[in-house]
Amino acid sequence: MGRENKICFTDSQGDALFTIPDGGMIKLAYGNGDENYAICRYLDETHAKIDGVDYSILEFAQRMERNGISYAAA
């Protein structure tokens, strides 16, 4: 039986927030009230393709914090 890859999202300090399965979605909430959804693909334990862009999970969290964007499992 195969193991399903999970993407573990963290905050900008590296503390775990939530996990989603490979191919799952996150909801992005912008400071102006807009919302967007992004499909996420597992790359390895610390990297994911989020909305078509390769990120380290920590780099993604730091970028979202800098831009005032919150994110959660969709």
Protein backbone atom coordinates (compact mmCIF):
# COMPACT_ATOMS: atom_id res chain seq x y z
CA MET A 1 0.00 0.00 0.00
CA GLY A 2 1.50 3.37 -1.05
CA ARG A 3 2.15 6.22 1.31
CA GLU A 4 0.28 9.43 0.55
CA ASN A 5 2.51 12.49 0.60
CA LYS A 6 1.35 15.30 2.87
CA ILE A 7 2.42 18.94 2.69
CA CYS A 8 3.05 20.43 6.14
CA PHE A 9 2.59 24.20 6.13
CA THR A 10 4.38 26.27 8.76
CA ASP A 11 4.44 29.83 9.96
CA SER A 12 7.43 32.07 9.24
CA GLN A 13 9.22 30.68 12.32
CA GLY A 14 8.92 27.10 11.06
CA ASP A 15 6.18 26.01 13.50
CA ALA A 16 3.66 23.58 11.97
CA LEU A 17 0.21 25.02 11.24
CA PHE A 18 -1.66 22.38 9.20
CA THR A 19 -1.16 19.65 6.62
CA ILE A 20 -2.91 18.94 3.34
CA PRO A 21 -2.61 16.00 0.97
CA ASP A 22 -0.63 16.21 -2.27
CA GLY A 23 -2.93 17.93 -4.76
CA GLY A 24 -4.90 19.66 -1.99
CA MET A 25 -5.77 23.33 -1.85
CA ILE A 26 -5.08 26.26 0.42
CA LYS A 27 -7.12 29.45 0.77
CA LEU A 28 -5.20 32.73 0.60
CA ALA A 29 -6.77 35.77 2.26
CA TYR A 30 -5.47 39.22 1.32
CA GLY A 31 -5.59 42.33 3.48
CA ASN A 32 -8.07 44.00 1.10
CA GLY A 33 -10.64 41.24 1.61
CA ASP A 34 -9.89 39.33 -1.60
CA GLU A 35 -9.50 35.55 -1.44
CA ASN A 36 -7.83 33.06 -3.74
CA TYR A 37 -7.35 29.30 -3.77
CA ALA A 38 -4.10 27.57 -4.74
CA ILE A 39 -3.48 23.94 -5.69
CA CYS A 40 -0.45 22.50 -3.93
CA ARG A 41 1.77 19.66 -5.11
CA TYR A 42 4.25 17.82 -2.89
CA LEU A 43 7.89 18.09 -4.02
CA ASP A 44 9.66 16.83 -0.89
CA GLU A 45 9.40 17.21 2.90
CA THR A 46 10.29 20.91 2.81
CA HIS A 47 9.19 22.00 -0.67
CA ALA A 48 5.91 22.27 -2.56
CA LYS A 49 4.62 23.66 -5.83
CA ILE A 50 2.02 26.22 -4.77
CA ASP A 51 -0.16 27.68 -7.51
CA GLY A 52 2.44 26.53 -10.05
CA VAL A 53 5.47 28.02 -8.28
CA ASP A 54 8.14 25.95 -6.47
CA TYR A 55 8.68 27.11 -2.87
CA SER A 56 10.41 25.96 0.24
CA ILE A 57 7.60 25.86 2.79
CA LEU A 58 9.46 28.28 5.08
CA GLU A 59 10.15 30.71 2.21
CA PHE A 60 6.45 30.65 1.31
CA ALA A 61 5.44 31.44 4.91
CA GLN A 62 7.93 34.31 5.14
CA ARG A 63 6.75 35.75 1.81
CA MET A 64 3.09 35.56 2.84
CA GLU A 65 3.85 37.26 6.17
CA ARG A 66 5.78 40.07 4.43
CA ASN A 67 2.86 40.62 2.04
CA GLY A 68 0.16 40.47 4.73
CA ILE A 69 -1.46 37.35 3.24
CA SER A 70 -2.90 34.67 5.53
CA TYR A 71 -3.40 31.07 4.42
CA ALA A 72 -5.27 28.02 5.64
CA ALA A 73 -6.33 24.60 4.45
CA ALA A 74 -9.25 24.92 2.04
